[in-house]
Amino acid sequence: MTTLFVLDVEDFRPLAEVASKDPDVTVRRRGPYLEVAAPGSIRIERNATGCRNAVWYSSVAAVEAGRVSRWDSSELVVEPTGAGE
């Protein structure tokens, strides 16, 4: 399972909300974080989040069983690595 963690604060919540629109993605609270998980890739379109530069580029707290393959002004993509299976 590919997992992205973002701090559960107002600024970063839109990332989890946008990701949760994908039916394969689950979002749950884990400690002070929002855990965004999917069996495959996680894709989050920046414009849909409404995040400004500073928030967008500081939003990722951690990634588990995946790697960030794209994180630019348009999209954040976390792809599975096969780790943890």
Protein backbone atom coordinates (compact mmCIF):
# COMPACT_ATOMS: atom_id res chain seq x y z
CA MET A 1 0.00 0.00 0.00
CA THR A 2 1.42 3.36 -1.05
CA THR A 3 1.05 5.85 1.80
CA LEU A 4 1.52 9.59 1.99
CA PHE A 5 1.47 11.41 5.33
CA VAL A 6 0.56 15.07 5.68
CA LEU A 7 0.28 16.97 8.95
CA ASP A 8 -3.38 17.31 9.98
CA VAL A 9 -3.56 21.11 9.95
CA GLU A 10 -5.84 23.41 8.01
CA ASP A 11 -3.23 24.32 5.38
CA PHE A 12 -2.53 20.71 4.38
CA ARG A 13 -6.02 19.19 4.64
CA PRO A 14 -6.93 20.11 1.04
CA LEU A 15 -4.32 17.62 -0.23
CA ALA A 16 -6.03 14.76 1.60
CA GLU A 17 -9.47 16.00 0.53
CA VAL A 18 -8.49 16.11 -3.14
CA ALA A 19 -6.77 12.71 -2.96
CA SER A 20 -9.86 11.17 -1.30
CA LYS A 21 -11.92 11.86 -4.44
CA ASP A 22 -10.16 8.89 -6.04
CA PRO A 23 -12.23 5.81 -5.09
CA ASP A 24 -9.04 3.76 -4.54
CA VAL A 25 -7.67 6.20 -1.98
CA THR A 26 -8.44 6.05 1.73
CA VAL A 27 -7.74 8.85 4.18
CA ARG A 28 -7.64 8.40 7.94
CA ARG A 29 -6.20 10.24 10.88
CA ARG A 30 -3.07 8.66 12.38
CA GLY A 31 -1.75 10.59 15.33
CA PRO A 32 -1.16 14.18 14.23
CA TYR A 33 -1.15 13.16 10.55
CA LEU A 34 -3.56 12.37 7.76
CA GLU A 35 -2.64 9.05 6.20
CA VAL A 36 -3.45 9.00 2.48
CA ALA A 37 -3.20 5.42 1.20
CA ALA A 38 -3.81 3.61 -2.08
CA PRO A 39 -2.95 0.22 -3.58
CA GLY A 40 -1.29 2.03 -6.50
CA SER A 41 -0.17 5.57 -7.22
CA ILE A 42 -1.46 8.63 -5.40
CA ARG A 43 -2.00 11.68 -7.64
CA ILE A 44 -2.94 15.10 -6.33
CA GLU A 45 -3.51 18.00 -8.70
CA ARG A 46 -2.23 21.23 -7.20
CA ASN A 47 -4.89 23.53 -8.69
CA ALA A 48 -7.63 21.40 -7.12
CA THR A 49 -6.10 21.91 -3.67
CA GLY A 50 -5.86 25.68 -3.88
CA CYS A 51 -2.45 25.49 -2.15
CA ARG A 52 0.06 28.28 -2.62
CA ASN A 53 3.77 27.56 -3.27
CA ALA A 54 4.99 27.53 0.33
CA VAL A 55 2.22 25.19 1.47
CA TRP A 56 2.39 22.92 -1.59
CA TYR A 57 6.15 22.36 -1.38
CA SER A 58 6.15 21.79 2.39
CA SER A 59 3.15 19.46 2.59
CA VAL A 60 4.77 16.00 2.51
CA ALA A 61 5.66 14.75 5.98
CA ALA A 62 6.56 11.18 4.95
CA VAL A 63 6.02 8.46 2.37
CA GLU A 64 5.77 4.74 3.11
CA ALA A 65 6.11 1.95 0.51
CA GLY A 66 6.38 4.54 -2.24
CA ARG A 67 8.44 7.33 -3.68
CA VAL A 68 7.67 10.81 -4.91
CA SER A 69 8.07 10.59 -8.68
CA ARG A 70 6.70 14.04 -9.48
CA TRP A 71 6.24 17.11 -7.31
CA ASP A 72 6.06 20.22 -9.41
CA SER A 73 3.77 23.21 -9.83
CA SER A 74 1.03 21.01 -11.34
CA GLU A 75 0.92 17.69 -9.54
CA LEU A 76 2.20 15.51 -6.71
CA VAL A 77 2.60 11.85 -7.64
CA VAL A 78 3.62 9.11 -5.22
CA GLU A 79 4.29 5.75 -6.87
CA PRO A 80 4.49 2.38 -5.13
CA THR A 81 7.92 0.81 -4.61
CA GLY A 82 6.76 -2.64 -3.60
CA ALA A 83 8.22 -2.20 -0.12
CA GLY A 84 6.12 -3.41 2.78
CA GLU A 85 4.19 -6.01 0.79
